[in-house]
C-alpha atoms as a PDB file:
ATOM      1  CA  MET A   1      30.142  17.853   4.305  1.00  0.00           C
ATOM      2  CA  SER A   2      31.316  17.741   7.374  1.00  0.00           C
ATOM      3  CA  PRO A   3      30.124  15.269  10.249  1.00  0.00           C
ATOM      4  CA  GLY A   4      26.920  16.582  11.703  1.00  0.00           C
ATOM      5  CA  ALA A   5      26.032  18.701   8.717  1.00  0.00           C
ATOM      6  CA  GLU A   6      22.062  17.949   7.803  1.00  0.00           C
ATOM      7  CA  HIS A   7      21.178  17.035   4.174  1.00  0.00           C
ATOM      8  CA  ALA A   8      17.946  18.227   2.386  1.00  0.00           C
ATOM      9  CA  PRO A   9      15.289  15.386   2.165  1.00  0.00           C
ATOM     10  CA  GLU A  10      15.634  13.635  -1.318  1.00  0.00           C
ATOM     11  CA  SER A  11      12.030  13.217  -1.949  1.00  0.00           C
ATOM     12  CA  GLU A  12       8.507  14.981  -0.747  1.00  0.00           C
ATOM     13  CA  GLU A  13       7.531  12.152   1.142  1.00  0.00           C
ATOM     14  CA  GLU A  14      10.975  11.910   2.825  1.00  0.00           C
ATOM     15  CA  ALA A  15      10.355  15.894   3.588  1.00  0.00           C
ATOM     16  CA  LEU A  16       7.166  15.059   5.248  1.00  0.00           C
ATOM     17  CA  MET A  17       8.250  12.202   7.292  1.00  0.00           C
ATOM     18  CA  LEU A  18      11.406  14.539   8.905  1.00  0.00           C
ATOM     19  CA  ALA A  19       8.920  17.017   9.471  1.00  0.00           C
ATOM     20  CA  GLY A  20       6.353  14.989  11.894  1.00  0.00           C
ATOM     21  CA  LYS A  21       3.478  15.078   8.838  1.00  0.00           C
ATOM     22  CA  PRO A  22       1.841  12.234   7.434  1.00  0.00           C
ATOM     23  CA  TYR A  23       3.980  10.583   5.041  1.00  0.00           C
ATOM     24  CA  LEU A  24       3.695   7.600   2.574  1.00  0.00           C
ATOM     25  CA  ALA A  25       6.278   4.856   4.014  1.00  0.00           C
ATOM     26  CA  SER A  26       5.553   2.938   0.605  1.00  0.00           C
ATOM     27  CA  ASP A  27       7.236   5.810  -1.235  1.00  0.00           C
ATOM     28  CA  GLN A  28      10.116   4.258  -3.362  1.00  0.00           C
ATOM     29  CA  HIS A  29      12.725   6.581  -2.238  1.00  0.00           C
ATOM     30  CA  LEU A  30      11.735   5.591   1.554  1.00  0.00           C
ATOM     31  CA  VAL A  31      11.632   1.987   0.257  1.00  0.00           C
ATOM     32  CA  ASN A  32      15.229   2.309  -0.715  1.00  0.00           C
ATOM     33  CA  LEU A  33      16.594   3.734   1.944  1.00  0.00           C
ATOM     34  CA  ARG A  34      15.226   1.056   4.399  1.00  0.00           C
ATOM     35  CA  ALA A  35      16.390  -1.535   1.908  1.00  0.00           C
ATOM     36  CA  ARG A  36      20.060  -0.067   2.279  1.00  0.00           C
ATOM     37  CA  CYS A  37      19.639   0.552   6.046  1.00  0.00           C
ATOM     38  CA  ARG A  38      19.159  -3.179   6.227  1.00  0.00           C
ATOM     39  CA  LYS A  39      22.162  -3.998   4.275  1.00  0.00           C
ATOM     40  CA  TYR A  40      24.783  -2.068   6.736  1.00  0.00           C
ATOM     41  CA  ILE A  41      23.065  -3.490   9.607  1.00  0.00           C
ATOM     42  CA  GLN A  42      23.409  -7.133   8.323  1.00  0.00           C
ATOM     43  CA  LYS A  43      26.952  -6.506   7.930  1.00  0.00           C
ATOM     44  CA  TYR A  44      27.533  -4.567  11.409  1.00  0.00           C
ATOM     45  CA  ASN A  45      25.263  -7.504  13.232  1.00  0.00           C
ATOM     46  CA  THR A  46      28.466  -9.730  11.706  1.00  0.00           C
ATOM     47  CA  LEU A  47      31.037  -8.011  13.908  1.00  0.00           C
ATOM     48  CA  ILE A  48      32.754  -8.609  17.274  1.00  0.00           C
ATOM     49  CA  ILE A  49      33.020  -5.586  19.610  1.00  0.00           C
ATOM     50  CA  PRO A  50      35.556  -4.508  20.405  1.00  0.00           C
ATOM     51  CA  ASP A  51      37.976  -6.205  18.700  1.00  0.00           C
ATOM     52  CA  GLN A  52      36.436  -4.935  15.327  1.00  0.00           C
ATOM     53  CA  LEU A  53      35.308  -1.390  16.464  1.00  0.00           C
ATOM     54  CA  GLU A  54      37.201   0.664  13.847  1.00  0.00           C
ATOM     55  CA  GLU A  55      35.158  -1.408  11.142  1.00  0.00           C
ATOM     56  CA  ALA A  56      31.860  -0.892  13.077  1.00  0.00           C
ATOM     57  CA  THR A  57      32.444   2.946  13.393  1.00  0.00           C
ATOM     58  CA  GLU A  58      33.011   3.256   9.742  1.00  0.00           C
ATOM     59  CA  LEU A  59      29.792   1.392   9.028  1.00  0.00           C
ATOM     60  CA  LEU A  60      27.636   3.830  11.341  1.00  0.00           C
ATOM     61  CA  LYS A  61      29.356   6.609   9.464  1.00  0.00           C
ATOM     62  CA  GLU A  62      28.564   5.141   6.055  1.00  0.00           C
ATOM     63  CA  LEU A  63      25.134   4.287   7.408  1.00  0.00           C
ATOM     64  CA  THR A  64      24.284   7.664   8.493  1.00  0.00           C
ATOM     65  CA  GLU A  65      25.886   9.316   5.562  1.00  0.00           C
ATOM     66  CA  GLY A  66      27.865  11.772   7.403  1.00  0.00           C
ATOM     67  CA  ARG A  67      24.812  13.381   9.298  1.00  0.00           C
ATOM     68  CA  THR A  68      26.668  12.490  12.540  1.00  0.00           C
ATOM     69  CA  ALA A  69      30.144  12.336  14.123  1.00  0.00           C
ATOM     70  CA  VAL A  70      30.809   8.806  15.325  1.00  0.00           C
ATOM     71  CA  GLU A  71      33.087   9.092  18.329  1.00  0.00           C
ATOM     72  CA  LYS A  72      33.669   6.500  20.894  1.00  0.00           C
ATOM     73  CA  VAL A  73      30.330   5.007  20.213  1.00  0.00           C
ATOM     74  CA  PHE A  74      30.087   1.248  21.037  1.00  0.00           C
ATOM     75  CA  ILE A  75      26.839  -0.659  19.878  1.00  0.00           C
ATOM     76  CA  GLU A  76      26.652  -4.241  20.809  1.00  0.00           C
ATOM     77  CA  PRO A  77      25.392  -6.413  17.975  1.00  0.00           C
ATOM     78  CA  PRO A  78      22.875  -7.642  17.315  1.00  0.00           C
ATOM     79  CA  PHE A  79      21.709  -4.229  16.764  1.00  0.00           C
ATOM     80  CA  ARG A  80      18.623  -2.717  14.758  1.00  0.00           C
ATOM     81  CA  CYS A  81      17.739   0.513  13.145  1.00  0.00           C
ATOM     82  CA  ASP A  82      15.519   1.670  10.366  1.00  0.00           C
ATOM     83  CA  GLY A  83      17.205   4.518   8.442  1.00  0.00           C
ATOM     84  CA  ARG A  84      20.137   6.935   8.489  1.00  0.00           C
ATOM     85  CA  ASN A  85      18.480   9.606  11.370  1.00  0.00           C
ATOM     86  CA  LEU A  86      20.681   8.417  13.950  1.00  0.00           C
ATOM     87  CA  ARG A  87      22.726  11.293  15.771  1.00  0.00           C
ATOM     88  CA  PHE A  88      25.608  10.318  18.264  1.00  0.00           C
ATOM     89  CA  GLY A  89      27.227  12.761  20.807  1.00  0.00           C
ATOM     90  CA  LYS A  90      30.312  11.214  22.308  1.00  0.00           C
ATOM     91  CA  ASN A  91      30.961   8.085  24.412  1.00  0.00           C
ATOM     92  CA  VAL A  92      27.707   6.350  23.820  1.00  0.00           C
ATOM     93  CA  TYR A  93      27.394   2.552  24.611  1.00  0.00           C
ATOM     94  CA  MET A  94      24.361   0.250  23.423  1.00  0.00           C
ATOM     95  CA  ASN A  95      24.222  -3.304  25.037  1.00  0.00           C
ATOM     96  CA  PHE A  96      23.011  -6.434  23.164  1.00  0.00           C
ATOM     97  CA  GLY A  97      19.571  -6.350  21.113  1.00  0.00           C
ATOM     98  CA  CYS A  98      18.603  -2.687  21.190  1.00  0.00           C
ATOM     99  CA  VAL A  99      16.460  -1.449  18.368  1.00  0.00           C
ATOM    100  CA  ILE A 100      15.607   2.183  16.994  1.00  0.00           C
ATOM    101  CA  LEU A 101      13.003   3.041  14.569  1.00  0.00           C
ATOM    102  CA  ASP A 102      14.469   6.306  13.309  1.00  0.00           C
ATOM    103  CA  CYS A 103      12.139   7.520  10.865  1.00  0.00           C
ATOM    104  CA  ALA A 104      12.615  10.694  12.654  1.00  0.00           C
ATOM    105  CA  LYS A 105      16.020  12.319  13.941  1.00  0.00           C
ATOM    106  CA  VAL A 106      16.909  10.116  16.901  1.00  0.00           C
ATOM    107  CA  THR A 107      19.727  12.289  19.103  1.00  0.00           C
ATOM    108  CA  PHE A 108      21.745  10.722  21.522  1.00  0.00           C
ATOM    109  CA  GLY A 109      23.970  13.298  24.076  1.00  0.00           C
ATOM    110  CA  ASP A 110      27.292  12.464  25.100  1.00  0.00           C
ATOM    111  CA  ASN A 111      27.999   9.600  27.878  1.00  0.00           C
ATOM    112  CA  VAL A 112      24.819   7.921  27.124  1.00  0.00           C
ATOM    113  CA  LEU A 113      24.134   4.253  28.255  1.00  0.00           C
ATOM    114  CA  LEU A 114      21.664   1.938  27.021  1.00  0.00           C
ATOM    115  CA  ALA A 115      20.935  -1.552  28.637  1.00  0.00           C
ATOM    116  CA  PRO A 116      20.292  -4.681  26.575  1.00  0.00           C
ATOM    117  CA  ASN A 117      16.889  -4.658  24.492  1.00  0.00           C
ATOM    118  CA  VAL A 118      16.022  -1.145  24.984  1.00  0.00           C
ATOM    119  CA  GLN A 119      13.657   0.222  22.181  1.00  0.00           C
ATOM    120  CA  ILE A 120      13.275   3.441  20.880  1.00  0.00           C
ATOM    121  CA  TYR A 121      10.295   4.063  18.506  1.00  0.00           C
ATOM    122  CA  ALA A 122      10.155   7.353  16.540  1.00  0.00           C
ATOM    123  CA  ALA A 123       7.777   5.695  14.478  1.00  0.00           C
ATOM    124  CA  THR A 124       4.068   5.602  15.007  1.00  0.00           C
ATOM    125  CA  HIS A 125       0.724   5.954  13.058  1.00  0.00           C
ATOM    126  CA  PRO A 126      -2.322   8.170  12.711  1.00  0.00           C
ATOM    127  CA  LEU A 127      -5.117   7.696  15.205  1.00  0.00           C
ATOM    128  CA  ASP A 128      -7.640   7.796  12.424  1.00  0.00           C
ATOM    129  CA  HIS A 129      -8.246   4.477  11.022  1.00  0.00           C
ATOM    130  CA  ILE A 130      -8.643   5.698   7.434  1.00  0.00           C
ATOM    131  CA  GLU A 131      -5.482   7.653   7.400  1.00  0.00           C
ATOM    132  CA  ARG A 132      -3.707   4.824   9.168  1.00  0.00           C
ATOM    133  CA  ARG A 133      -4.500   2.441   5.933  1.00  0.00           C
ATOM    134  CA  GLY A 134      -2.096   4.772   3.992  1.00  0.00           C
ATOM    135  CA  ARG A 135       0.004   7.066   5.890  1.00  0.00           C
ATOM    136  CA  GLU A 136       2.672   6.934   9.156  1.00  0.00           C
ATOM    137  CA  LEU A 137       3.991   9.435  11.041  1.00  0.00           C
ATOM    138  CA  ALA A 138       7.568   9.794  12.822  1.00  0.00           C
ATOM    139  CA  TYR A 139       8.349  12.359  15.809  1.00  0.00           C
ATOM    140  CA  GLU A 140      11.917  13.313  16.801  1.00  0.00           C
ATOM    141  CA  ILE A 141      13.362  11.896  20.016  1.00  0.00           C
ATOM    142  CA  THR A 142      15.949  13.499  22.025  1.00  0.00           C
ATOM    143  CA  ILE A 143      18.258  11.567  24.674  1.00  0.00           C
ATOM    144  CA  GLY A 144      20.299  14.110  26.940  1.00  0.00           C
ATOM    145  CA  ASP A 145      23.824  13.882  28.401  1.00  0.00           C
ATOM    146  CA  ASP A 146      24.416  11.280  30.822  1.00  0.00           C
ATOM    147  CA  VAL A 147      21.229   9.534  30.689  1.00  0.00           C
ATOM    148  CA  TRP A 148      21.046   5.648  31.380  1.00  0.00           C
ATOM    149  CA  ILE A 149      18.056   3.643  30.153  1.00  0.00           C
ATOM    150  CA  GLY A 150      17.425   0.352  31.928  1.00  0.00           C
ATOM    151  CA  GLY A 151      16.652  -2.824  30.061  1.00  0.00           C
ATOM    152  CA  GLY A 152      13.726  -3.388  28.143  1.00  0.00           C
ATOM    153  CA  ALA A 153      12.624   0.342  28.604  1.00  0.00           C
ATOM    154  CA  ILE A 154      10.525   1.619  25.805  1.00  0.00           C
ATOM    155  CA  ILE A 155      10.908   5.152  24.672  1.00  0.00           C
ATOM    156  CA  LEU A 156       7.908   6.395  22.550  1.00  0.00           C
ATOM    157  CA  PRO A 157       7.968   9.136  19.847  1.00  0.00           C
ATOM    158  CA  GLY A 158       8.606  12.664  20.281  1.00  0.00           C
ATOM    159  CA  VAL A 159      10.089  11.995  24.015  1.00  0.00           C
ATOM    160  CA  THR A 160      13.023  14.171  25.179  1.00  0.00           C
ATOM    161  CA  ILE A 161      14.785  12.716  28.050  1.00  0.00           C
ATOM    162  CA  GLY A 162      16.536  15.320  30.090  1.00  0.00           C
ATOM    163  CA  SER A 163      20.232  15.179  30.959  1.00  0.00           C
ATOM    164  CA  ARG A 164      21.642  12.992  33.733  1.00  0.00           C
ATOM    165  CA  SER A 165      18.076  11.236  33.975  1.00  0.00           C
ATOM    166  CA  VAL A 166      17.551   7.424  34.894  1.00  0.00           C
ATOM    167  CA  VAL A 167      14.832   5.361  33.233  1.00  0.00           C
ATOM    168  CA  GLY A 168      13.982   2.340  34.929  1.00  0.00           C
ATOM    169  CA  ALA A 169      14.285  -1.378  33.514  1.00  0.00           C
ATOM    170  CA  GLY A 170      11.000  -2.366  31.651  1.00  0.00           C
ATOM    171  CA  SER A 171       9.701   1.155  31.657  1.00  0.00           C
ATOM    172  CA  VAL A 172       7.343   2.662  28.885  1.00  0.00           C
ATOM    173  CA  VAL A 173       8.345   6.287  28.982  1.00  0.00           C
ATOM    174  CA  THR A 174       5.098   8.206  26.818  1.00  0.00           C
ATOM    175  CA  LYS A 175       6.010  11.582  27.940  1.00  0.00           C
ATOM    176  CA  SER A 176       9.392  13.955  28.262  1.00  0.00           C
ATOM    177  CA  VAL A 177      11.297  13.103  31.306  1.00  0.00           C
ATOM    178  CA  PRO A 178      13.168  16.628  33.230  1.00  0.00           C
ATOM    179  CA  GLU A 179      16.370  16.576  33.932  1.00  0.00           C
ATOM    180  CA  ASP A 180      17.839  14.864  37.096  1.00  0.00           C
ATOM    181  CA  VAL A 181      15.091  12.296  37.686  1.00  0.00           C
ATOM    182  CA  VAL A 182      14.661   8.558  37.970  1.00  0.00           C
ATOM    183  CA  VAL A 183      11.310   7.576  35.828  1.00  0.00           C
ATOM    184  CA  ALA A 184       9.949   4.386  36.008  1.00  0.00           C
ATOM    185  CA  GLY A 185       6.851   2.252  35.373  1.00  0.00           C
ATOM    186  CA  ASN A 186       4.000   2.029  32.567  1.00  0.00           C
ATOM    187  CA  PRO A 187       3.704   4.723  32.045  1.00  0.00           C
ATOM    188  CA  ALA A 188       7.138   6.080  33.505  1.00  0.00           C
ATOM    189  CA  ARG A 189       6.501   8.295  36.305  1.00  0.00           C
ATOM    190  CA  VAL A 190       9.077  10.424  38.329  1.00  0.00           C
ATOM    191  CA  ILE A 191       9.814   8.508  41.478  1.00  0.00           C
ATOM    192  CA  ARG A 192      12.882  10.617  42.810  1.00  0.00           C
ATOM    193  CA  HIS A 193      14.887  13.380  41.999  1.00  0.00           C
ATOM    194  CA  ILE A 194      18.762  12.702  41.716  1.00  0.00           C
ATOM    195  CA  LYS A 195      21.440  15.126  43.760  1.00  0.00           C
ATOM    196  CA  GLN A 196      24.236  15.186  41.185  1.00  0.00           C
ATOM    197  CA  SER A 197      27.710  14.980  42.324  1.00  0.00           C
ATOM    198  CA  THR A 198      29.792  18.138  41.058  1.00  0.00           C
ATOM    199  CA  THR A 199      32.920  16.121  41.071  1.00  0.00           C
ATOM    200  CA  ALA A 200      34.272  14.586  37.956  1.00  0.00           C
ATOM    201  CA  ALA A 201      35.023  10.526  38.185  1.00  0.00           C
END
């Protein structure tokens, strides 16, 4: 299967998880996937970037099982993720300490920059306390092309960040962000619109 091709879910609970429906995180298949991910991430976090970039790239390809191309993806250790649902564009950079809970698909466009300690959470829980005792939820997150996310920002489930937008450091992004804006604050709000250059660097 070519890079970027999607695989069918391998259990009923995984199918529910990827569809944004309540699922059992204790499903043995999902438990095994998380354990597998931790083994890859443990190896990844021993590497020195960029000296061992080729090895890092291969580990990311293996982690995602061919679900995404990995071309010019630079992730500084330490890094944490939760599964195999990352999707990368070209030329993605993440600084130290980023955390991604990718129970649902988390997609990065081209030329994306993440500052240190950015946290991206596709995972969430039902509001009903009885349902919350047994089941979890996950909603896809999409980061557009040329997005810059400042240090310590938190991106919550179901959010799309439009291309060329900037998220201020320390922001909590609870709703989708349009293209060509700067957002900041908790909750993040549009604080300015960006007039983009048409000239390539």
